[in-house]
Amino acid sequence: MTKAKTNSRLLIFILIVVLGILLSSLFNLQIIQGANYALIAEKNFLRIKSLPPVRGEIYDRNYLPIAVNKPSINLYISPGNIINRDSVSVFVSQQFDVKLEKIKKIIYKNRFRLYNEVLLVQDVNYLQVVNVSEKFDEYPSLEFKTENKREYAYNNHFTGYVGRISETEYEKRKERGYSINSLIGKNGLEKYYEEKLRGENGYHILQVDASGKSLKFFKHNLHKAPAHGVDMILTIDNELQNYISSIMPKDIPGAAVVMDARSGEILAYVSKPDFDQNMFIGNLSAKDWNRLMNDPNTPMLDRIIHGTYPPGSVFKTITALLGLQKGIIDKDTKLAHCDGGMQIGNRYFKCWHKHGHGKLNVVDAIKYSCDVFFYDLSLKLELEEFGRFTKQNFLTNKTGVDLPGERDGFFPTKQWYVDHYGKYVNILGQKVNLSIGQGELLVTPLEVCAHYATIASDGLWRQPHMLKRFIKDQYEEDFIYEELRLPSSREHLAIVQDALYQTVNGRYGTGTAASLPNVAVYGKTGSAENHMGKTTHAWFAGYASWENPEIAFCIFLENGGHGGSAAAPIARKIVQLYDKIRQEN
């Protein structure tokens, strides 16, 4: 055998050995250790950490706080870093006095969100942070984060409140940057202007190793700061708001709303009873939730736009204006003699004053709130036309206020009566009830307030609204709201304006409890029968004028009694304070 052949065979042998070693190593990597290395590889990837924005704050018209952000320390858990689920659950439960079942449920629910930080406990006090942090070496899945929480300056319904996003909300909004820990507006302005208030998420890009440590490979485009939400300046006046809240009866549900008649700006928005929205920011207990839900006075009901009620005599302005517009009556027309009631068909309809008012014109009929005058007038009106005119005056329509869930009022049609009472229903009798704001007629307090603001403005209806301007980065954005000319002429409105002035300032007017010596107050009382209660609803609606009309108001007390004695004095106090504020400014 030659030396060349020997070397060739040796080389082949060496190549075979090397190839065998390579194949053996490849087999070990791919087959024997493949699963382990795959798991490690999966843990080496880019992670995008979402940076939540700071929510825009809410202020009153004088830049005083209504809803602001305060620092809060929250406890989070990363499911992918949990060593022992039972152990960490017991630890959190014991340290923060949270039910063990609740902690386990949160962890189990988020078990597949390995690299998400899941909120466990909100608003941890600093002493707890110091004491608990020492033990975090044993629980690497836990982490404290300093964030912002919402704080509301006073109880109200118009701001609404924020809360943690629900699963349903998250599924709908996750493509828009919401996380499982996001705060979201649940109702009120917080919900209506959610997109503006929330801002936009930022991000931080990390490449991590199997242990979660940043590899710091990238030098650029690692970070985008979140865009903070815009701040809102409302039309609300905190001083007026808080004062009205303090003078409303403590034991009677109700509402009071005040508008600037010149612009549609809502200056005060009080629904009673109210509730503390701050309860919903932290961990709301089952006890507190049940107390709110089981309260017979329904404190979470916004009576200004979600409550619909028969308006009683505050509706008589509509009946009068329609009669004037159709030429059925003028300022001097006197209708049926009131001797305490009126016989219509086989039914006797009573007037509230059992001794009667005699024969009156429209001004005195409003001033004394004589029911018989409007009974008689209703006999000359067509039901469908009556309903159309009411809607044209926005008294049973949504006003379009910038709050979610506003309800329509209701004015029944002939077909509605037929469907509900049969084809032989007495439409005549139904019109009689409607003419004085009774029967099936329903309105909201905000609709009534906007109607009286329209009377004050000679028939110019201005959309009620809460938002005055947005502010972001020193840029202010104001808004223009809708204005509509309603059907009544200035001549006819002047007659009703005179009647409303006489109601408050004339002798024996039903609203004299609202009169003031230095301010011209106009208004109408109402006492609406309520089949749900033993006492009438009390209403008082109107406006106040200095050189010109400035504010309109509506006070409503559920089962509150008579409008003249229960609601009108509240209006008087409201106008007094506004006059004081006006002089100071």
Protein backbone atom coordinates (compact mmCIF):
# COMPACT_ATOMS: atom_id res chain seq x y z
CA MET A 1 0.00 0.00 0.00
CA THR A 2 1.41 3.32 -0.98
CA LYS A 3 1.83 6.24 1.41
CA ALA A 4 -0.71 8.33 -0.63
CA LYS A 5 -3.45 5.71 -0.22
CA THR A 6 -2.81 5.53 3.53
CA ASN A 7 -3.17 9.30 3.93
CA SER A 8 -6.35 9.31 1.85
CA ARG A 9 -7.98 6.64 4.01
CA LEU A 10 -6.96 8.48 7.18
CA LEU A 11 -8.53 11.68 5.89
CA ILE A 12 -11.76 9.86 5.05
CA PHE A 13 -11.81 8.31 8.53
CA ILE A 14 -11.32 11.71 10.17
CA LEU A 15 -14.12 13.22 8.04
CA ILE A 16 -16.47 10.39 9.02
CA VAL A 17 -15.69 10.89 12.72
CA VAL A 18 -16.23 14.66 12.48
CA LEU A 19 -19.47 14.17 10.57
CA GLY A 20 -20.61 11.69 13.19
CA ILE A 21 -19.88 14.13 15.95
CA LEU A 22 -21.82 16.87 14.11
CA LEU A 23 -24.77 14.60 13.47
CA SER A 24 -24.74 13.47 17.09
CA SER A 25 -24.70 17.08 18.29
CA LEU A 26 -27.46 18.03 15.87
CA PHE A 27 -29.56 15.09 17.08
CA ASN A 28 -29.00 16.15 20.67
CA LEU A 29 -29.95 19.77 19.94
CA GLN A 30 -32.96 19.06 17.75
CA ILE A 31 -34.41 15.94 19.29
CA ILE A 32 -33.17 15.38 22.83
CA GLN A 33 -32.82 19.01 23.99
CA GLY A 34 -35.08 20.59 21.34
CA ALA A 35 -38.01 21.36 23.61
CA ASN A 36 -35.80 23.07 26.22
CA TYR A 37 -33.99 25.22 23.72
CA ALA A 38 -37.25 26.15 21.96
CA LEU A 39 -38.69 27.37 25.27
CA ILE A 40 -35.59 29.47 25.92
CA ALA A 41 -35.70 30.87 22.38
CA GLU A 42 -39.32 31.83 22.76
CA LYS A 43 -38.38 33.91 25.80
CA ASN A 44 -35.80 35.89 23.86
CA PHE A 45 -37.87 38.39 21.88
CA LEU A 46 -38.97 41.97 21.65
CA ARG A 47 -41.42 43.15 24.26
CA ILE A 48 -43.43 46.33 23.74
CA LYS A 49 -44.33 47.87 27.07
CA SER A 50 -47.36 50.14 26.82
CA LEU A 51 -47.12 53.49 28.62
CA PRO A 52 -50.57 54.76 29.63
CA PRO A 53 -51.33 58.47 29.21
CA VAL A 54 -52.33 60.85 31.98
CA ARG A 55 -56.06 61.47 31.80
CA GLY A 56 -57.21 65.01 31.11
CA GLU A 57 -58.58 66.88 34.12
CA ILE A 58 -61.94 68.63 34.48
CA TYR A 59 -62.40 72.17 35.83
CA ASP A 60 -65.28 74.56 36.31
CA ARG A 61 -65.72 77.81 34.37
CA ASN A 62 -63.41 79.60 36.81
CA TYR A 63 -60.69 76.93 36.47
CA LEU A 64 -61.46 75.41 39.85
CA PRO A 65 -61.03 71.61 40.07
CA ILE A 66 -63.87 69.14 39.62
CA ALA A 67 -62.07 65.94 38.56
CA VAL A 68 -58.28 65.80 38.90
CA ASN A 69 -55.48 63.22 39.09
CA LYS A 70 -53.68 62.26 42.28
CA PRO A 71 -50.67 59.93 42.67
CA SER A 72 -51.50 56.38 43.67
CA ILE A 73 -49.29 53.34 44.36
CA ASN A 74 -50.75 50.14 42.90
CA LEU A 75 -49.65 46.51 43.19
CA TYR A 76 -49.25 44.50 39.98
CA ILE A 77 -48.41 40.87 39.23
CA SER A 78 -46.76 39.42 36.12
CA PRO A 79 -48.26 35.91 35.59
CA GLY A 80 -45.22 34.74 33.60
CA ASN A 81 -42.95 35.32 36.61
CA ILE A 82 -45.05 33.49 39.20
CA ILE A 83 -43.08 30.78 40.99
CA ASN A 84 -45.86 29.43 43.19
CA ARG A 85 -49.40 30.65 42.58
CA ASP A 86 -50.78 29.53 45.94
CA SER A 87 -47.92 31.06 47.89
CA VAL A 88 -48.09 34.48 46.21
CA SER A 89 -51.90 34.51 46.54
CA VAL A 90 -51.74 33.89 50.28
CA PHE A 91 -49.02 36.53 50.67
CA VAL A 92 -51.03 39.24 48.89
CA SER A 93 -54.22 38.32 50.69
CA GLN A 94 -52.62 38.53 54.12
CA GLN A 95 -50.61 41.69 53.51
CA PHE A 96 -53.41 43.71 51.90
CA ASP A 97 -56.52 42.29 53.54
CA VAL A 98 -57.99 41.08 50.26
CA LYS A 99 -59.98 37.87 50.04
CA LEU A 100 -57.82 34.95 48.95
CA GLU A 101 -60.45 33.78 46.46
CA LYS A 102 -60.39 37.16 44.75
CA ILE A 103 -56.59 37.09 44.28
CA LYS A 104 -56.67 33.53 42.94
CA LYS A 105 -59.48 34.44 40.57
CA ILE A 106 -57.54 37.39 39.13
CA ILE A 107 -54.41 35.27 38.62
CA TYR A 108 -56.33 32.38 37.05
CA LYS A 109 -58.28 34.71 34.77
CA ASN A 110 -55.02 36.19 33.43
CA ARG A 111 -52.94 32.99 33.41
CA PHE A 112 -52.27 33.21 29.66
CA ARG A 113 -51.20 36.85 29.75
CA LEU A 114 -47.68 35.86 30.73
CA TYR A 115 -46.00 39.16 29.99
CA ASN A 116 -48.78 41.52 31.02
CA GLU A 117 -48.75 43.32 34.35
CA VAL A 118 -52.09 42.64 36.01
CA LEU A 119 -53.51 44.97 38.67
CA LEU A 120 -54.07 43.30 42.05
CA VAL A 121 -54.44 46.08 44.66
CA GLN A 122 -55.11 49.79 44.18
CA ASP A 123 -54.06 52.78 46.25
CA VAL A 124 -51.60 51.12 48.62
CA ASN A 125 -50.45 53.37 51.46
CA TYR A 126 -46.76 54.18 51.75
CA LEU A 127 -46.21 52.29 55.02
CA GLN A 128 -47.48 49.10 53.38
CA VAL A 129 -45.15 49.66 50.45
CA VAL A 130 -42.12 49.91 52.77
CA ASN A 131 -43.08 46.84 54.79
CA VAL A 132 -44.01 44.60 51.88
CA SER A 133 -41.22 45.55 49.45
CA GLU A 134 -38.64 43.84 51.70
CA LYS A 135 -40.22 40.48 50.87
CA PHE A 136 -40.41 40.92 47.11
CA ASP A 137 -37.23 38.86 46.56
CA GLU A 138 -39.35 35.83 47.36
CA TYR A 139 -42.09 36.97 44.98
CA PRO A 140 -40.47 38.26 41.76
CA SER A 141 -43.85 38.40 40.04
CA LEU A 142 -44.99 41.33 42.25
CA GLU A 143 -44.23 44.98 41.57
CA PHE A 144 -45.41 48.36 42.85
CA LYS A 145 -46.12 51.09 40.30
CA THR A 146 -46.83 54.74 40.94
CA GLU A 147 -49.72 55.89 38.77
CA ASN A 148 -52.54 58.42 38.78
CA LYS A 149 -55.98 57.94 40.25
CA ARG A 150 -59.06 60.08 39.69
CA GLU A 151 -60.34 62.27 42.49
CA TYR A 152 -63.68 64.09 42.37
CA ALA A 153 -64.00 67.34 44.29
CA TYR A 154 -67.68 66.87 45.18
CA ASN A 155 -70.58 64.50 44.66
CA ASN A 156 -72.37 64.98 41.35
CA HIS A 157 -73.93 63.12 38.45
CA PHE A 158 -72.63 65.08 35.48
CA THR A 159 -68.94 64.08 35.58
CA GLY A 160 -69.71 60.40 35.98
CA TYR A 161 -66.70 58.38 37.09
CA VAL A 162 -63.94 56.15 35.72
CA GLY A 163 -63.39 52.50 36.51
CA ARG A 164 -61.26 49.57 35.40
CA ILE A 165 -62.14 48.37 31.92
CA SER A 166 -64.42 45.32 31.73
CA GLU A 167 -63.69 42.29 29.58
CA THR A 168 -66.39 43.36 27.12
CA GLU A 169 -65.02 46.90 26.91
CA TYR A 170 -61.48 45.60 26.51
CA GLU A 171 -62.41 43.33 23.59
CA LYS A 172 -64.03 46.28 21.81
CA ARG A 173 -61.19 48.72 22.47
CA LYS A 174 -57.96 46.72 22.63
CA GLU A 175 -57.12 47.64 19.02
CA ARG A 176 -57.25 51.29 20.09
CA GLY A 177 -54.52 50.89 22.67
CA TYR A 178 -56.53 49.93 25.76
CA SER A 179 -55.02 47.35 28.12
CA ILE A 180 -56.59 45.04 30.66
CA ASN A 181 -55.68 47.60 33.34
CA SER A 182 -57.01 50.70 31.56
CA LEU A 183 -59.31 53.16 33.26
CA ILE A 184 -62.34 54.08 31.21
CA GLY A 185 -65.24 56.50 31.62
CA LYS A 186 -68.27 54.60 32.86
CA ASN A 187 -70.88 57.36 32.58
CA GLY A 188 -71.36 61.13 32.53
CA LEU A 189 -68.79 63.42 30.92
CA GLU A 190 -66.07 60.85 31.62
CA LYS A 191 -67.82 58.50 29.19
CA TYR A 192 -69.11 61.09 26.69
CA TYR A 193 -65.65 62.61 26.17
CA GLU A 194 -63.65 59.41 26.79
CA GLU A 195 -61.58 59.64 23.61
CA LYS A 196 -60.52 63.23 24.33
CA LEU A 197 -59.88 62.79 28.05
CA ARG A 198 -57.94 59.57 27.74
CA GLY A 199 -55.12 60.70 25.45
CA GLU A 200 -52.91 58.23 23.54
CA ASN A 201 -50.66 55.43 24.76
CA GLY A 202 -46.90 55.60 24.45
CA TYR A 203 -44.57 52.61 24.33
CA HIS A 204 -41.16 51.34 25.40
CA ILE A 205 -39.48 48.60 23.33
CA LEU A 206 -37.30 46.04 25.11
CA GLN A 207 -35.38 43.00 23.90
CA VAL A 208 -35.04 40.64 26.84
CA ASP A 209 -33.27 37.39 27.58
CA ALA A 210 -34.78 34.28 29.15
CA SER A 211 -34.68 35.85 32.60
CA GLY A 212 -36.46 38.99 31.43
CA LYS A 213 -33.37 41.21 31.60
CA SER A 214 -33.05 43.91 28.95
CA LEU A 215 -30.32 43.16 26.39
CA LYS A 216 -30.13 46.83 25.34
CA PHE A 217 -29.39 45.98 21.68
CA PHE A 218 -31.25 48.93 20.21
CA LYS A 219 -30.02 52.47 20.47
CA HIS A 220 -32.86 54.29 18.68
CA ASN A 221 -36.69 54.33 18.50
CA LEU A 222 -37.01 52.55 21.83
CA HIS A 223 -39.43 54.98 23.41
CA LYS A 224 -42.48 57.04 22.55
CA ALA A 225 -43.95 59.22 25.30
CA PRO A 226 -47.71 58.99 25.84
CA ALA A 227 -49.86 61.93 24.70
CA HIS A 228 -51.77 63.26 27.70
CA GLY A 229 -55.50 63.71 27.46
CA VAL A 230 -56.95 67.18 27.00
CA ASP A 231 -58.21 69.18 29.97
CA MET A 232 -61.85 70.25 29.98
CA ILE A 233 -63.23 73.57 31.15
CA LEU A 234 -66.91 73.21 31.92
CA THR A 235 -69.71 75.74 31.98
CA ILE A 236 -70.40 74.76 35.61
CA ASP A 237 -69.90 77.31 38.40
CA ASN A 238 -68.64 75.39 41.45
CA GLU A 239 -69.88 78.00 43.90
CA LEU A 240 -73.41 77.92 42.51
CA GLN A 241 -73.32 74.12 42.18
CA ASN A 242 -72.27 73.51 45.77
CA TYR A 243 -74.69 76.08 47.16
CA ILE A 244 -77.69 74.55 45.39
CA SER A 245 -76.60 71.11 46.53
CA SER A 246 -76.59 72.38 50.12
CA ILE A 247 -80.09 73.94 50.01
CA MET A 248 -81.93 71.07 48.36
CA PRO A 249 -84.14 69.15 50.83
CA LYS A 250 -82.25 66.31 52.48
CA ASP A 251 -85.13 63.85 52.56
CA ILE A 252 -86.77 64.51 49.17
CA PRO A 253 -85.35 63.26 45.86
CA GLY A 254 -85.22 65.97 43.24
CA ALA A 255 -83.24 68.05 40.80
CA ALA A 256 -82.21 71.62 40.12
CA VAL A 257 -80.64 72.86 36.90
CA VAL A 258 -79.57 76.42 36.04
CA MET A 259 -78.71 77.60 32.52
CA ASP A 260 -77.34 80.78 31.06
CA ALA A 261 -80.30 81.76 28.88
CA ARG A 262 -78.00 83.74 26.59
CA SER A 263 -75.79 80.81 25.60
CA GLY A 264 -77.22 77.47 26.74
CA GLU A 265 -74.36 76.98 29.18
CA ILE A 266 -75.33 74.86 32.19
CA LEU A 267 -74.19 76.67 35.33
CA ALA A 268 -75.43 74.19 37.93
CA TYR A 269 -76.57 70.57 37.64
CA VAL A 270 -77.80 69.03 40.89
CA SER A 271 -79.61 65.71 41.17
CA LYS A 272 -80.53 64.42 44.63
CA PRO A 273 -79.78 62.16 46.32
CA ASP A 274 -76.27 61.92 44.93
CA PHE A 275 -73.34 59.59 45.61
CA ASP A 276 -69.58 59.78 46.03
CA GLN A 277 -67.94 58.83 42.72
CA ASN A 278 -64.64 58.30 44.52
CA MET A 279 -66.08 55.03 45.84
CA PHE A 280 -65.61 53.54 42.37
CA ILE A 281 -61.95 54.47 42.01
CA GLY A 282 -60.56 52.01 44.54
CA ASN A 283 -61.81 48.59 45.53
CA LEU A 284 -65.56 49.09 45.86
CA SER A 285 -66.84 46.74 48.53
CA ALA A 286 -69.88 44.55 47.99
CA LYS A 287 -71.46 46.25 51.01
CA ASP A 288 -71.18 49.72 49.49
CA TRP A 289 -72.41 48.51 46.09
CA ASN A 290 -75.45 46.81 47.60
CA ARG A 291 -76.22 49.90 49.66
CA LEU A 292 -76.30 52.03 46.51
CA MET A 293 -78.33 49.53 44.50
CA ASN A 294 -80.89 48.86 47.25
CA ASP A 295 -81.46 52.48 48.25
CA PRO A 296 -85.16 53.19 47.46
CA ASN A 297 -84.27 56.79 46.56
CA THR A 298 -81.98 55.58 43.74
CA PRO A 299 -78.98 57.89 44.33
CA MET A 300 -77.31 56.83 41.07
CA LEU A 301 -80.27 58.03 38.98
CA ASP A 302 -79.58 61.32 37.25
CA ARG A 303 -83.02 62.86 37.54
CA ILE A 304 -82.15 65.79 35.27
CA ILE A 305 -81.89 63.79 32.03
CA HIS A 306 -82.72 60.19 32.97
CA GLY A 307 -85.87 60.89 34.98
CA THR A 308 -89.12 61.63 33.11
CA TYR A 309 -92.10 63.07 34.98
CA PRO A 310 -95.49 64.70 34.35
CA PRO A 311 -94.74 68.44 34.31
CA GLY A 312 -97.97 69.72 35.82
CA SER A 313 -98.69 73.41 35.40
CA VAL A 314 -95.20 74.39 34.18
CA PHE A 315 -96.51 72.94 30.88
CA LYS A 316 -99.34 75.49 30.62
CA THR A 317 -97.06 77.88 28.74
CA ILE A 318 -97.13 75.44 25.79
CA THR A 319 -100.93 75.21 25.80
CA ALA A 320 -101.18 78.99 26.00
CA LEU A 321 -98.69 79.59 23.19
CA LEU A 322 -100.46 77.15 20.87
CA GLY A 323 -103.82 78.80 21.59
CA LEU A 324 -102.31 82.22 20.84
CA GLN A 325 -100.58 81.02 17.67
CA LYS A 326 -103.80 79.51 16.30
CA GLY A 327 -105.75 82.68 17.08
CA ILE A 328 -108.13 80.86 19.42
CA ILE A 329 -107.27 83.35 22.16
CA ASP A 330 -105.55 86.70 22.44
CA LYS A 331 -104.33 88.60 25.47
CA ASP A 332 -107.84 89.64 26.47
CA THR A 333 -109.86 86.52 25.63
CA LYS A 334 -111.74 85.07 28.59
CA LEU A 335 -112.81 81.47 28.48
CA ALA A 336 -115.16 79.35 30.63
CA HIS A 337 -116.10 80.56 34.10
CA CYS A 338 -114.18 78.65 36.77
CA ASP A 339 -116.31 77.71 39.75
CA GLY A 340 -113.93 75.01 40.97
CA GLY A 341 -114.10 72.71 37.98
CA MET A 342 -115.62 71.97 34.58
CA GLN A 343 -118.06 69.34 33.35
CA ILE A 344 -116.81 67.68 30.17
CA GLY A 345 -118.95 64.84 28.89
CA ASN A 346 -119.78 62.55 31.79
CA ARG A 347 -116.81 63.62 33.89
CA TYR A 348 -116.20 66.61 36.13
CA PHE A 349 -112.63 67.93 35.96
CA LYS A 350 -111.65 69.83 39.08
CA CYS A 351 -109.55 72.98 39.33
CA TRP A 352 -106.90 73.01 42.06
CA HIS A 353 -108.78 75.94 43.69
CA LYS A 354 -112.05 74.45 44.84
CA HIS A 355 -113.80 77.85 45.08
CA GLY A 356 -112.86 78.75 41.51
CA HIS A 357 -111.22 81.71 39.78
CA GLY A 358 -114.11 83.14 37.75
CA LYS A 359 -113.55 84.17 34.11
CA LEU A 360 -109.90 84.87 33.32
CA ASN A 361 -107.72 85.88 30.40
CA VAL A 362 -104.53 83.96 29.57
CA VAL A 363 -102.23 86.17 31.68
CA ASP A 364 -104.32 85.70 34.81
CA ALA A 365 -104.91 82.03 34.03
CA ILE A 366 -101.15 81.47 34.15
CA LYS A 367 -100.70 83.79 37.12
CA TYR A 368 -103.28 81.97 39.25
CA SER A 369 -102.67 78.62 37.48
CA CYS A 370 -106.39 78.19 36.74
CA ASP A 371 -106.97 74.70 35.36
CA VAL A 372 -110.44 75.42 33.91
CA PHE A 373 -109.09 78.03 31.46
CA PHE A 374 -106.78 75.39 29.95
CA TYR A 375 -109.43 72.68 30.04
CA ASP A 376 -111.64 74.89 27.90
CA LEU A 377 -108.78 75.84 25.59
CA SER A 378 -107.85 72.18 25.03
CA LEU A 379 -111.35 71.48 23.63
CA LYS A 380 -110.45 73.75 20.71
CA LEU A 381 -107.09 72.06 19.97
CA GLU A 382 -106.40 68.95 17.90
CA LEU A 383 -104.40 66.28 19.71
CA GLU A 384 -101.90 65.61 16.90
CA GLU A 385 -101.27 69.32 16.40
CA PHE A 386 -100.84 69.72 20.16
CA GLY A 387 -98.19 66.98 20.16
CA ARG A 388 -96.33 68.40 17.16
CA PHE A 389 -96.23 71.88 18.69
CA THR A 390 -94.88 70.46 21.96
CA LYS A 391 -92.08 68.68 20.12
CA GLN A 392 -91.33 71.76 18.03
CA ASN A 393 -90.70 73.53 21.33
CA PHE A 394 -88.27 70.76 22.40
CA LEU A 395 -90.33 69.92 25.45
CA THR A 396 -90.59 66.19 24.82
CA ASN A 397 -87.41 65.86 22.74
CA LYS A 398 -83.85 65.17 23.81
CA THR A 399 -82.01 68.46 24.12
CA GLY A 400 -78.76 66.98 22.79
CA VAL A 401 -76.82 67.89 25.93
CA ASP A 402 -73.30 66.45 25.95
CA LEU A 403 -74.07 63.66 28.41
CA PRO A 404 -74.79 60.00 27.62
CA GLY A 405 -78.18 58.37 28.02
CA GLU A 406 -80.44 61.43 27.83
CA ARG A 407 -84.07 60.33 27.62
CA ASP A 408 -86.85 61.69 25.45
CA GLY A 409 -90.02 62.96 27.01
CA PHE A 410 -93.37 61.63 25.81
CA PHE A 411 -96.52 63.08 24.28
CA PRO A 412 -99.16 60.46 23.40
CA THR A 413 -100.77 60.29 19.96
CA LYS A 414 -104.31 59.24 19.13
CA GLN A 415 -102.99 55.90 17.88
CA TRP A 416 -101.15 55.39 21.18
CA TYR A 417 -104.43 55.87 23.08
CA VAL A 418 -106.25 53.47 20.79
CA ASP A 419 -103.51 50.85 21.19
CA HIS A 420 -103.53 51.15 24.99
CA TYR A 421 -107.17 51.97 25.85
CA GLY A 422 -109.12 50.64 22.90
CA LYS A 423 -110.82 52.26 19.91
CA TYR A 424 -113.56 53.84 22.05
CA VAL A 425 -111.15 55.86 24.17
CA ASN A 426 -112.34 59.39 25.06
CA ILE A 427 -109.70 61.55 23.37
CA LEU A 428 -111.44 64.70 24.61
CA GLY A 429 -110.83 63.79 28.22
CA GLN A 430 -107.21 62.88 27.49
CA LYS A 431 -106.58 66.33 25.93
CA VAL A 432 -108.02 67.98 29.03
CA ASN A 433 -105.45 66.21 31.20
CA LEU A 434 -102.60 66.98 28.81
CA SER A 435 -103.46 70.69 28.71
CA ILE A 436 -102.41 71.10 32.35
CA GLY A 437 -99.36 68.82 32.13
CA GLN A 438 -101.05 65.70 33.47
CA GLY A 439 -101.95 62.31 32.04
CA GLU A 440 -99.37 60.40 30.05
CA LEU A 441 -97.27 63.48 29.26
CA LEU A 442 -93.64 63.14 30.44
CA VAL A 443 -90.68 65.55 30.39
CA THR A 444 -87.22 65.83 31.93
CA PRO A 445 -86.17 68.74 34.16
CA LEU A 446 -83.54 69.76 31.58
CA GLU A 447 -86.17 69.97 28.82
CA VAL A 448 -88.27 72.23 31.05
CA CYS A 449 -85.30 74.46 31.89
CA ALA A 450 -84.37 74.82 28.20
CA HIS A 451 -88.00 75.69 27.38
CA TYR A 452 -88.08 78.53 29.90
CA ALA A 453 -84.68 79.74 28.68
CA THR A 454 -86.27 79.93 25.22
CA ILE A 455 -89.14 82.03 26.52
CA ALA A 456 -86.59 84.34 28.18
CA SER A 457 -84.75 84.63 24.84
CA ASP A 458 -87.84 85.61 22.81
CA GLY A 459 -88.11 82.21 21.15
CA LEU A 460 -84.43 81.45 20.44
CA TRP A 461 -83.71 77.90 21.63
CA ARG A 462 -80.08 77.30 22.55
CA GLN A 463 -78.70 73.81 23.01
CA PRO A 464 -77.90 73.07 26.67
CA HIS A 465 -74.28 72.02 27.11
CA MET A 466 -71.61 71.33 29.73
CA LEU A 467 -68.37 71.80 27.79
CA LYS A 468 -67.02 75.34 27.49
CA ARG A 469 -63.58 74.60 26.02
CA PHE A 470 -60.76 72.09 25.67
CA ILE A 471 -57.22 73.01 26.70
CA LYS A 472 -54.08 71.18 25.64
CA ASP A 473 -50.51 72.51 25.53
CA GLN A 474 -51.78 76.03 26.15
CA TYR A 475 -54.07 75.74 23.11
CA GLU A 476 -57.74 76.51 23.82
CA GLU A 477 -60.58 75.28 21.65
CA ASP A 478 -64.05 76.80 22.09
CA PHE A 479 -67.26 75.35 20.67
CA ILE A 480 -70.33 76.81 18.99
CA TYR A 481 -73.62 75.13 19.82
CA GLU A 482 -76.90 74.93 17.94
CA GLU A 483 -79.46 77.74 18.03
CA LEU A 484 -82.98 77.42 16.63
CA ARG A 485 -85.87 79.85 16.26
CA LEU A 486 -88.98 78.16 17.65
CA PRO A 487 -92.48 78.64 16.23
CA SER A 488 -94.01 81.17 18.64
CA SER A 489 -93.94 84.83 17.66
CA ARG A 490 -92.35 87.52 19.83
CA GLU A 491 -95.79 89.07 20.30
CA HIS A 492 -97.19 85.87 21.79
CA LEU A 493 -94.06 85.22 23.84
CA ALA A 494 -94.36 88.72 25.32
CA ILE A 495 -97.85 87.81 26.60
CA VAL A 496 -96.50 84.67 28.29
CA GLN A 497 -93.52 86.61 29.67
CA ASP A 498 -95.93 89.07 31.25
CA ALA A 499 -97.89 86.18 32.76
CA LEU A 500 -94.73 84.65 34.23
CA TYR A 501 -93.75 87.98 35.73
CA GLN A 502 -97.20 88.37 37.28
CA THR A 503 -97.04 84.83 38.66
CA VAL A 504 -94.03 85.78 40.78
CA ASN A 505 -94.56 89.49 41.38
CA GLY A 506 -98.30 90.05 41.11
CA ARG A 507 -100.73 89.90 44.01
CA TYR A 508 -101.87 86.34 44.76
CA GLY A 509 -99.63 84.88 42.06
CA THR A 510 -98.78 81.24 42.75
CA GLY A 511 -95.02 81.89 42.59
CA THR A 512 -94.60 84.87 44.90
CA ALA A 513 -92.25 82.87 47.15
CA ALA A 514 -89.62 83.34 44.41
CA SER A 515 -89.87 87.15 44.23
CA LEU A 516 -86.95 89.45 45.02
CA PRO A 517 -86.91 93.23 45.48
CA ASN A 518 -83.93 93.95 43.24
CA VAL A 519 -84.21 91.30 40.52
CA ALA A 520 -87.00 90.64 38.03
CA VAL A 521 -87.90 86.97 38.54
CA TYR A 522 -90.30 85.22 36.13
CA GLY A 523 -91.67 81.76 36.75
CA LYS A 524 -94.39 79.15 36.85
CA THR A 525 -95.34 76.75 39.60
CA GLY A 526 -96.43 73.18 39.05
CA SER A 527 -97.88 70.43 41.23
CA ALA A 528 -98.10 67.24 39.20
CA GLU A 529 -100.20 64.33 40.36
CA ASN A 530 -98.16 61.18 40.69
CA HIS A 531 -99.79 57.74 40.56
CA MET A 532 -96.58 56.28 42.04
CA GLY A 533 -96.81 58.26 45.27
CA LYS A 534 -99.20 59.89 47.72
CA THR A 535 -97.94 63.46 47.21
CA THR A 536 -97.67 65.62 44.11
CA HIS A 537 -94.39 66.39 42.40
CA ALA A 538 -93.37 70.00 43.03
CA TRP A 539 -92.08 72.12 40.12
CA PHE A 540 -90.91 75.67 39.68
CA ALA A 541 -89.40 76.85 36.39
CA GLY A 542 -88.54 80.30 35.15
CA TYR A 543 -85.82 82.85 34.60
CA ALA A 544 -84.28 85.97 36.11
CA SER A 545 -83.56 89.28 34.41
CA TRP A 546 -81.39 92.28 35.21
CA GLU A 547 -81.01 94.63 32.24
CA ASN A 548 -81.92 91.54 30.18
CA PRO A 549 -82.75 87.91 31.02
CA GLU A 550 -79.62 86.01 32.05
CA ILE A 551 -80.37 82.72 33.77
CA ALA A 552 -83.13 80.14 33.48
CA PHE A 553 -83.80 77.49 36.09
CA CYS A 554 -85.91 74.47 36.89
CA ILE A 555 -86.44 73.02 40.36
CA PHE A 556 -88.13 69.64 40.70
CA LEU A 557 -88.96 67.80 43.94
CA GLU A 558 -90.19 64.24 43.64
CA ASN A 559 -93.34 63.82 45.75
CA GLY A 560 -92.39 67.22 47.13
CA GLY A 561 -95.83 68.82 47.47
CA HIS A 562 -96.83 72.17 45.95
CA GLY A 563 -94.52 73.99 43.59
CA GLY A 564 -95.30 77.40 45.06
CA SER A 565 -94.42 76.49 48.62
CA ALA A 566 -91.75 73.79 48.12
CA ALA A 567 -89.83 74.64 44.92
CA ALA A 568 -90.25 78.41 44.45
CA PRO A 569 -88.31 79.35 47.64
CA ILE A 570 -85.35 77.35 46.35
CA ALA A 571 -85.42 79.33 43.11
CA ARG A 572 -85.40 82.55 45.12
CA LYS A 573 -82.23 81.50 46.94
CA ILE A 574 -80.58 80.47 43.68
CA VAL A 575 -81.25 83.86 42.08
CA GLN A 576 -80.00 85.62 45.21
CA LEU A 577 -76.66 83.83 45.06
CA TYR A 578 -76.32 84.37 41.31
CA ASP A 579 -76.98 88.07 41.86
CA LYS A 580 -74.18 88.11 44.45
CA ILE A 581 -71.78 86.31 42.10
CA ARG A 582 -72.75 88.67 39.31
CA GLN A 583 -71.95 91.72 41.42
CA GLU A 584 -68.60 90.31 42.52
CA ASN A 585 -67.58 89.72 38.91
